[in-house]
C-alpha cells in the first residue's frame, strides 16, 4: 500500500513538473515572437524628450544632504523598479528628487542676478550698506536683498584683505594693534607667516616690564618666577 501511494505521488509530481515546464516554454515562445524591428519601432514611438526644467538650488552642508538622502530612501523605497516599466520608474525618481530640492531650496534665477550685477556694478561698500538697509526696511525683493548682502560681504572681505596686504614692508606705518584687534587670525596669516623680519616697536626693557607687571598682578606681593618647565633662551646677539 505504501509503495503504491508513493508511485501515485511520484507520478503526480512528474506530471505537475511537466505542466510547469510546458507553460514556461510557451511563455518564452510568445515573448520571442516580437522581432527586433518591432521592439525598436515601439521604443521610437514611445520616445519623448522632456522639457528643460528650471535650475534648482542644492544643500550646502553635510547635514542637509543627509536629510535629503533619508527622505529619498524613505520615499523611493515604496517604488519598486521593474524592467517592464523602467522609464516610468526613472521618471518617478527624478521627479521626486527635483521636487524635493525645488520646494526646500528654491530655484536659481540667473536673469535676476544679471540685472542686479549690472545695477550694482560700480556701487561702493558704503552705497551697498545704504541700499541693503532701505531694501530691508521697505520689505523689498528677497532675491535682491540676498544679492546685495552677498556683494557687500565680498567687498568688505576684499577690502580687509587689501588693507592687510598693503605695503607690509613699511611696518612702521602699520597700526599692528588695530589689525590684531580687528582680525587676529588674519594678522597672523598675512603678517607673521609672510613677513619674518617684522621687528617689535618696543625694546627688551619694556617687554620685561610688561610681562613682570602682568604676571605679578596675580600675586602682587610676590615676584613672578619663570617655571622650570619653560625653556630658557640664550641672550640675543647684537
C-alpha atoms as a PDB file:
ATOM      1  CA  UNK A   1       0.000   0.000   0.000  1.00  0.00           C
ATOM      2  CA  UNK A   2       2.800   2.337   0.895  1.00  0.00           C
ATOM      3  CA  UNK A   3       4.681   1.618  -2.327  1.00  0.00           C
ATOM      4  CA  UNK A   4       1.528   2.158  -4.368  1.00  0.00           C
ATOM      5  CA  UNK A   5       0.825   5.552  -2.805  1.00  0.00           C
ATOM      6  CA  UNK A   6       4.428   6.596  -3.355  1.00  0.00           C
ATOM      7  CA  UNK A   7       4.204   5.709  -7.032  1.00  0.00           C
ATOM      8  CA  UNK A   8       0.987   7.739  -7.346  1.00  0.00           C
ATOM      9  CA  UNK A   9       2.569  10.765  -5.667  1.00  0.00           C
ATOM     10  CA  UNK A  10       5.683  10.485  -7.803  1.00  0.00           C
ATOM     11  CA  UNK A  11       3.540  10.319 -10.918  1.00  0.00           C
ATOM     12  CA  UNK A  12       1.558  13.402  -9.913  1.00  0.00           C
ATOM     13  CA  UNK A  13       4.777  15.257  -9.163  1.00  0.00           C
ATOM     14  CA  UNK A  14       6.230  14.392 -12.569  1.00  0.00           C
ATOM     15  CA  UNK A  15       3.028  15.488 -14.276  1.00  0.00           C
ATOM     16  CA  UNK A  16       2.996  18.792 -12.377  1.00  0.00           C
ATOM     17  CA  UNK A  17       6.629  19.485 -13.258  1.00  0.00           C
ATOM     18  CA  UNK A  18       5.898  18.758 -16.923  1.00  0.00           C
ATOM     19  CA  UNK A  19       2.952  21.166 -16.918  1.00  0.00           C
ATOM     20  CA  UNK A  20       5.084  23.902 -15.393  1.00  0.00           C
ATOM     21  CA  UNK A  21       7.852  23.312 -17.945  1.00  0.00           C
ATOM     22  CA  UNK A  22       5.382  23.463 -20.841  1.00  0.00           C
ATOM     23  CA  UNK A  23       3.894  26.693 -19.502  1.00  0.00           C
ATOM     24  CA  UNK A  24       7.309  28.309 -19.222  1.00  0.00           C
ATOM     25  CA  UNK A  25       8.262  27.233 -22.740  1.00  0.00           C
ATOM     26  CA  UNK A  26       5.031  28.649 -24.136  1.00  0.00           C
ATOM     27  CA  UNK A  27       5.692  31.966 -22.384  1.00  0.00           C
ATOM     28  CA  UNK A  28       9.220  32.145 -23.784  1.00  0.00           C
ATOM     29  CA  UNK A  29       7.941  31.445 -27.276  1.00  0.00           C
ATOM     30  CA  UNK A  30       5.315  34.187 -27.006  1.00  0.00           C
ATOM     31  CA  UNK A  31       7.909  36.682 -25.762  1.00  0.00           C
ATOM     32  CA  UNK A  32      10.325  35.815 -28.564  1.00  0.00           C
ATOM     33  CA  UNK A  33       7.776  36.242 -31.361  1.00  0.00           C
ATOM     34  CA  UNK A  34       8.278  40.019 -31.428  1.00  0.00           C
ATOM     35  CA  UNK A  35      11.125  40.870 -33.793  1.00  0.00           C
ATOM     36  CA  UNK A  36      13.955  43.292 -33.126  1.00  0.00           C
ATOM     37  CA  UNK A  37      12.492  45.750 -35.642  1.00  0.00           C
ATOM     38  CA  UNK A  38       9.192  45.739 -33.770  1.00  0.00           C
ATOM     39  CA  UNK A  39      10.963  46.440 -30.482  1.00  0.00           C
ATOM     40  CA  UNK A  40      12.930  49.368 -31.949  1.00  0.00           C
ATOM     41  CA  UNK A  41       9.811  50.749 -33.588  1.00  0.00           C
ATOM     42  CA  UNK A  42       7.937  50.530 -30.297  1.00  0.00           C
ATOM     43  CA  UNK A  43      10.718  52.319 -28.434  1.00  0.00           C
ATOM     44  CA  UNK A  44      10.913  55.082 -31.029  1.00  0.00           C
ATOM     45  CA  UNK A  45       7.180  55.638 -30.931  1.00  0.00           C
ATOM     46  CA  UNK A  46       7.248  55.957 -27.140  1.00  0.00           C
ATOM     47  CA  UNK A  47      10.368  58.146 -27.002  1.00  0.00           C
ATOM     48  CA  UNK A  48       9.681  61.658 -25.761  1.00  0.00           C
ATOM     49  CA  UNK A  49      12.013  64.461 -24.774  1.00  0.00           C
ATOM     50  CA  UNK A  50      11.144  66.230 -21.503  1.00  0.00           C
ATOM     51  CA  UNK A  51      11.098  69.996 -21.272  1.00  0.00           C
ATOM     52  CA  UNK A  52      14.170  71.650 -19.819  1.00  0.00           C
ATOM     53  CA  UNK A  53      13.384  72.460 -16.194  1.00  0.00           C
ATOM     54  CA  UNK A  54      14.395  75.500 -14.239  1.00  0.00           C
ATOM     55  CA  UNK A  55      17.650  75.313 -12.303  1.00  0.00           C
ATOM     56  CA  UNK A  56      17.354  74.461  -8.620  1.00  0.00           C
ATOM     57  CA  UNK A  57      19.490  75.222  -5.600  1.00  0.00           C
ATOM     58  CA  UNK A  58      21.172  72.433  -3.649  1.00  0.00           C
ATOM     59  CA  UNK A  59      22.049  71.914   0.035  1.00  0.00           C
ATOM     60  CA  UNK A  60      25.280  73.448   1.323  1.00  0.00           C
ATOM     61  CA  UNK A  61      26.027  71.326   4.379  1.00  0.00           C
ATOM     62  CA  UNK A  62      26.510  67.604   5.107  1.00  0.00           C
ATOM     63  CA  UNK A  63      23.532  67.630   7.495  1.00  0.00           C
ATOM     64  CA  UNK A  64      21.164  68.928   4.814  1.00  0.00           C
ATOM     65  CA  UNK A  65      22.463  66.368   2.325  1.00  0.00           C
ATOM     66  CA  UNK A  66      21.925  63.626   4.909  1.00  0.00           C
ATOM     67  CA  UNK A  67      18.337  64.801   5.439  1.00  0.00           C
ATOM     68  CA  UNK A  68      17.734  64.707   1.695  1.00  0.00           C
ATOM     69  CA  UNK A  69      19.192  61.200   1.457  1.00  0.00           C
ATOM     70  CA  UNK A  70      16.934  59.972   4.269  1.00  0.00           C
ATOM     71  CA  UNK A  71      13.899  61.456   2.518  1.00  0.00           C
ATOM     72  CA  UNK A  72      14.766  59.812  -0.802  1.00  0.00           C
ATOM     73  CA  UNK A  73      15.340  56.415   0.797  1.00  0.00           C
ATOM     74  CA  UNK A  74      12.019  56.576   2.624  1.00  0.00           C
ATOM     75  CA  UNK A  75      10.046  57.846  -0.368  1.00  0.00           C
ATOM     76  CA  UNK A  76      11.590  55.737  -3.110  1.00  0.00           C
ATOM     77  CA  UNK A  77      11.635  52.521  -1.071  1.00  0.00           C
ATOM     78  CA  UNK A  78       7.927  52.129  -1.876  1.00  0.00           C
ATOM     79  CA  UNK A  79       8.579  52.483  -5.606  1.00  0.00           C
ATOM     80  CA  UNK A  80       9.991  49.135  -6.821  1.00  0.00           C
ATOM     81  CA  UNK A  81      11.883  49.344 -10.103  1.00  0.00           C
ATOM     82  CA  UNK A  82      10.796  46.761 -12.659  1.00  0.00           C
ATOM     83  CA  UNK A  83      12.231  46.047 -16.087  1.00  0.00           C
ATOM     84  CA  UNK A  84       8.786  46.318 -17.658  1.00  0.00           C
ATOM     85  CA  UNK A  85       8.347  49.938 -16.537  1.00  0.00           C
ATOM     86  CA  UNK A  86      11.944  51.162 -16.322  1.00  0.00           C
ATOM     87  CA  UNK A  87      11.190  54.514 -17.995  1.00  0.00           C
ATOM     88  CA  UNK A  88       8.291  55.186 -15.664  1.00  0.00           C
ATOM     89  CA  UNK A  89      10.388  54.317 -12.607  1.00  0.00           C
ATOM     90  CA  UNK A  90      13.216  56.612 -13.705  1.00  0.00           C
ATOM     91  CA  UNK A  91      10.778  59.453 -14.322  1.00  0.00           C
ATOM     92  CA  UNK A  92       9.270  58.955 -10.862  1.00  0.00           C
ATOM     93  CA  UNK A  93      12.695  59.003  -9.226  1.00  0.00           C
ATOM     94  CA  UNK A  94      13.855  62.175 -10.986  1.00  0.00           C
ATOM     95  CA  UNK A  95      10.562  63.925 -10.253  1.00  0.00           C
ATOM     96  CA  UNK A  96      10.794  63.138  -6.537  1.00  0.00           C
ATOM     97  CA  UNK A  97      14.379  64.418  -6.354  1.00  0.00           C
ATOM     98  CA  UNK A  98      13.674  67.582  -8.360  1.00  0.00           C
ATOM     99  CA  UNK A  99      10.545  68.462  -6.392  1.00  0.00           C
ATOM    100  CA  UNK A 100      12.319  67.963  -3.064  1.00  0.00           C
ATOM    101  CA  UNK A 101      15.147  70.377  -3.840  1.00  0.00           C
ATOM    102  CA  UNK A 102      12.936  72.949  -5.570  1.00  0.00           C
ATOM    103  CA  UNK A 103      10.413  73.027  -2.713  1.00  0.00           C
ATOM    104  CA  UNK A 104      13.014  73.191   0.065  1.00  0.00           C
ATOM    105  CA  UNK A 105      15.761  75.318  -1.511  1.00  0.00           C
ATOM    106  CA  UNK A 106      14.130  77.189  -4.382  1.00  0.00           C
ATOM    107  CA  UNK A 107      15.233  77.952  -7.914  1.00  0.00           C
ATOM    108  CA  UNK A 108      18.291  79.584  -9.425  1.00  0.00           C
ATOM    109  CA  UNK A 109      17.245  82.789 -11.160  1.00  0.00           C
ATOM    110  CA  UNK A 110      20.125  83.638 -13.477  1.00  0.00           C
ATOM    111  CA  UNK A 111      18.324  86.517 -15.180  1.00  0.00           C
ATOM    112  CA  UNK A 112      17.784  88.392 -11.915  1.00  0.00           C
ATOM    113  CA  UNK A 113      21.448  88.018 -10.999  1.00  0.00           C
ATOM    114  CA  UNK A 114      22.468  89.560 -14.316  1.00  0.00           C
ATOM    115  CA  UNK A 115      20.141  92.501 -13.734  1.00  0.00           C
ATOM    116  CA  UNK A 116      21.407  93.041 -10.192  1.00  0.00           C
ATOM    117  CA  UNK A 117      25.031  92.665 -11.292  1.00  0.00           C
ATOM    118  CA  UNK A 118      24.589  95.440 -13.818  1.00  0.00           C
ATOM    119  CA  UNK A 119      22.649  97.596 -11.359  1.00  0.00           C
ATOM    120  CA  UNK A 120      25.239  97.458  -8.565  1.00  0.00           C
ATOM    121  CA  UNK A 121      28.369  97.063 -10.670  1.00  0.00           C
ATOM    122  CA  UNK A 122      30.013 100.321  -9.551  1.00  0.00           C
ATOM    123  CA  UNK A 123      28.421 100.585  -6.089  1.00  0.00           C
ATOM    124  CA  UNK A 124      30.818 101.094  -3.204  1.00  0.00           C
ATOM    125  CA  UNK A 125      30.573  99.321   0.135  1.00  0.00           C
ATOM    126  CA  UNK A 126      29.007 102.451   1.617  1.00  0.00           C
ATOM    127  CA  UNK A 127      26.387 102.571  -1.142  1.00  0.00           C
ATOM    128  CA  UNK A 128      25.602  98.878  -0.714  1.00  0.00           C
ATOM    129  CA  UNK A 129      25.043  99.371   3.020  1.00  0.00           C
ATOM    130  CA  UNK A 130      22.504 102.126   2.330  1.00  0.00           C
ATOM    131  CA  UNK A 131      20.734 100.080  -0.337  1.00  0.00           C
ATOM    132  CA  UNK A 132      20.581  96.996   1.876  1.00  0.00           C
ATOM    133  CA  UNK A 133      19.166  98.986   4.780  1.00  0.00           C
ATOM    134  CA  UNK A 134      16.478 100.527   2.550  1.00  0.00           C
ATOM    135  CA  UNK A 135      15.550  97.205   0.945  1.00  0.00           C
ATOM    136  CA  UNK A 136      15.063  95.601   4.353  1.00  0.00           C
ATOM    137  CA  UNK A 137      13.015  98.498   5.727  1.00  0.00           C
ATOM    138  CA  UNK A 138      10.789  98.520   2.619  1.00  0.00           C
ATOM    139  CA  UNK A 139      10.401  94.704   2.540  1.00  0.00           C
ATOM    140  CA  UNK A 140      11.981  94.690  -0.897  1.00  0.00           C
ATOM    141  CA  UNK A 141      12.677  91.851  -3.292  1.00  0.00           C
ATOM    142  CA  UNK A 142      14.154  88.952  -1.332  1.00  0.00           C
ATOM    143  CA  UNK A 143      16.434  87.941  -4.212  1.00  0.00           C
ATOM    144  CA  UNK A 144      17.777  91.487  -4.465  1.00  0.00           C
ATOM    145  CA  UNK A 145      18.367  91.637  -0.695  1.00  0.00           C
ATOM    146  CA  UNK A 146      20.362  88.402  -0.819  1.00  0.00           C
ATOM    147  CA  UNK A 147      22.375  89.626  -3.804  1.00  0.00           C
ATOM    148  CA  UNK A 148      23.243  92.988  -2.223  1.00  0.00           C
ATOM    149  CA  UNK A 149      24.124  91.366   1.121  1.00  0.00           C
ATOM    150  CA  UNK A 150      26.436  88.855  -0.563  1.00  0.00           C
ATOM    151  CA  UNK A 151      28.090  91.537  -2.690  1.00  0.00           C
ATOM    152  CA  UNK A 152      28.607  93.718   0.394  1.00  0.00           C
ATOM    153  CA  UNK A 153      30.240  90.846   2.303  1.00  0.00           C
ATOM    154  CA  UNK A 154      32.594  90.191  -0.589  1.00  0.00           C
ATOM    155  CA  UNK A 155      33.501  93.883  -0.823  1.00  0.00           C
ATOM    156  CA  UNK A 156      34.250  94.146   2.885  1.00  0.00           C
ATOM    157  CA  UNK A 157      36.254  90.916   2.894  1.00  0.00           C
ATOM    158  CA  UNK A 158      38.304  92.061  -0.083  1.00  0.00           C
ATOM    159  CA  UNK A 159      38.894  95.493   1.466  1.00  0.00           C
ATOM    160  CA  UNK A 160      40.071  93.878   4.703  1.00  0.00           C
ATOM    161  CA  UNK A 161      42.480  91.621   2.817  1.00  0.00           C
ATOM    162  CA  UNK A 162      43.807  94.522   0.756  1.00  0.00           C
ATOM    163  CA  UNK A 163      44.441  96.536   3.899  1.00  0.00           C
ATOM    164  CA  UNK A 164      46.418  93.726   5.485  1.00  0.00           C
ATOM    165  CA  UNK A 165      48.486  93.216   2.345  1.00  0.00           C
ATOM    166  CA  UNK A 166      49.095  96.895   1.679  1.00  0.00           C
ATOM    167  CA  UNK A 167      52.779  97.757   1.832  1.00  0.00           C
ATOM    168  CA  UNK A 168      53.788  95.279   4.525  1.00  0.00           C
ATOM    169  CA  UNK A 169      57.416  96.274   4.065  1.00  0.00           C
ATOM    170  CA  UNK A 170      56.772  99.637   5.725  1.00  0.00           C
ATOM    171  CA  UNK A 171      55.775  98.047   9.025  1.00  0.00           C
ATOM    172  CA  UNK A 172      56.459 101.292  10.871  1.00  0.00           C
ATOM    173  CA  UNK A 173      53.359 102.903   9.327  1.00  0.00           C
ATOM    174  CA  UNK A 174      51.059  99.943  10.035  1.00  0.00           C
ATOM    175  CA  UNK A 175      48.927 100.048  13.141  1.00  0.00           C
ATOM    176  CA  UNK A 176      49.568  96.489  14.272  1.00  0.00           C
ATOM    177  CA  UNK A 177      47.411  96.855  17.365  1.00  0.00           C
ATOM    178  CA  UNK A 178      44.426  97.823  15.249  1.00  0.00           C
ATOM    179  CA  UNK A 179      44.936  94.896  12.886  1.00  0.00           C
ATOM    180  CA  UNK A 180      45.319  92.448  15.776  1.00  0.00           C
ATOM    181  CA  UNK A 181      42.159  93.699  17.478  1.00  0.00           C
ATOM    182  CA  UNK A 182      40.230  93.628  14.223  1.00  0.00           C
ATOM    183  CA  UNK A 183      41.249  90.195  12.938  1.00  0.00           C
ATOM    184  CA  UNK A 184      43.911  88.305  14.870  1.00  0.00           C
ATOM    185  CA  UNK A 185      43.860  85.227  12.625  1.00  0.00           C
ATOM    186  CA  UNK A 186      44.171  87.350   9.515  1.00  0.00           C
ATOM    187  CA  UNK A 187      47.017  89.322  11.078  1.00  0.00           C
ATOM    188  CA  UNK A 188      48.985  86.172  11.908  1.00  0.00           C
ATOM    189  CA  UNK A 189      48.345  84.706   8.472  1.00  0.00           C
ATOM    190  CA  UNK A 190      49.229  87.799   6.463  1.00  0.00           C
ATOM    191  CA  UNK A 191      51.907  89.413   8.650  1.00  0.00           C
ATOM    192  CA  UNK A 192      53.698  86.751  10.671  1.00  0.00           C
ATOM    193  CA  UNK A 193      53.678  83.947   8.125  1.00  0.00           C
ATOM    194  CA  UNK A 194      54.559  86.167   5.169  1.00  0.00           C
ATOM    195  CA  UNK A 195      56.936  88.599   6.812  1.00  0.00           C
ATOM    196  CA  UNK A 196      59.599  87.159   9.080  1.00  0.00           C
ATOM    197  CA  UNK A 197      61.591  90.380   9.545  1.00  0.00           C
ATOM    198  CA  UNK A 198      58.858  92.439  11.228  1.00  0.00           C
ATOM    199  CA  UNK A 199      60.523  93.981  14.274  1.00  0.00           C
ATOM    200  CA  UNK A 200      58.680  94.873  17.502  1.00  0.00           C
ATOM    201  CA  UNK A 201      58.114  98.540  18.320  1.00  0.00           C
ATOM    202  CA  UNK A 202      59.323  98.068  21.933  1.00  0.00           C
ATOM    203  CA  UNK A 203      62.702  97.264  23.448  1.00  0.00           C
ATOM    204  CA  UNK A 204      63.715  94.449  25.797  1.00  0.00           C
ATOM    205  CA  UNK A 205      63.257  96.574  28.931  1.00  0.00           C
ATOM    206  CA  UNK A 206      59.668  97.428  28.004  1.00  0.00           C
ATOM    207  CA  UNK A 207      58.926  93.777  27.246  1.00  0.00           C
ATOM    208  CA  UNK A 208      60.364  92.623  30.590  1.00  0.00           C
ATOM    209  CA  UNK A 209      58.460  95.287  32.499  1.00  0.00           C
ATOM    210  CA  UNK A 210      55.191  94.381  30.762  1.00  0.00           C
ATOM    211  CA  UNK A 211      55.330  90.652  31.494  1.00  0.00           C
ATOM    212  CA  UNK A 212      56.634  91.212  35.036  1.00  0.00           C
ATOM    213  CA  UNK A 213      53.742  93.529  35.752  1.00  0.00           C
ATOM    214  CA  UNK A 214      51.208  91.207  34.112  1.00  0.00           C
ATOM    215  CA  UNK A 215      52.265  88.021  35.884  1.00  0.00           C
ATOM    216  CA  UNK A 216      52.823  89.783  39.202  1.00  0.00           C
ATOM    217  CA  UNK A 217      49.242  91.012  39.143  1.00  0.00           C
ATOM    218  CA  UNK A 218      48.117  87.517  40.166  1.00  0.00           C
ATOM    219  CA  UNK A 219      50.001  87.770  43.497  1.00  0.00           C
ATOM    220  CA  UNK A 220      51.046  91.427  43.896  1.00  0.00           C
ATOM    221  CA  UNK A 221      53.315  90.811  46.911  1.00  0.00           C
ATOM    222  CA  UNK A 222      55.487  88.254  45.151  1.00  0.00           C
ATOM    223  CA  UNK A 223      57.805  88.497  42.194  1.00  0.00           C
ATOM    224  CA  UNK A 224      56.818  86.146  39.406  1.00  0.00           C
ATOM    225  CA  UNK A 225      59.298  83.353  38.847  1.00  0.00           C
ATOM    226  CA  UNK A 226      59.525  81.703  35.468  1.00  0.00           C
ATOM    227  CA  UNK A 227      58.551  77.998  35.816  1.00  0.00           C
ATOM    228  CA  UNK A 228      61.326  75.480  35.375  1.00  0.00           C
ATOM    229  CA  UNK A 229      59.472  73.739  32.546  1.00  0.00           C
ATOM    230  CA  UNK A 230      59.726  76.849  30.349  1.00  0.00           C
ATOM    231  CA  UNK A 231      62.903  76.551  28.241  1.00  0.00           C
ATOM    232  CA  UNK A 232      65.481  79.276  28.730  1.00  0.00           C
ATOM    233  CA  UNK A 233      66.543  81.192  25.653  1.00  0.00           C
ATOM    234  CA  UNK A 234      70.029  82.436  25.014  1.00  0.00           C
ATOM    235  CA  UNK A 235      70.716  86.144  25.095  1.00  0.00           C
ATOM    236  CA  UNK A 236      70.148  87.897  21.771  1.00  0.00           C
ATOM    237  CA  UNK A 237      73.203  88.736  19.724  1.00  0.00           C
ATOM    238  CA  UNK A 238      73.778  92.245  18.503  1.00  0.00           C
END
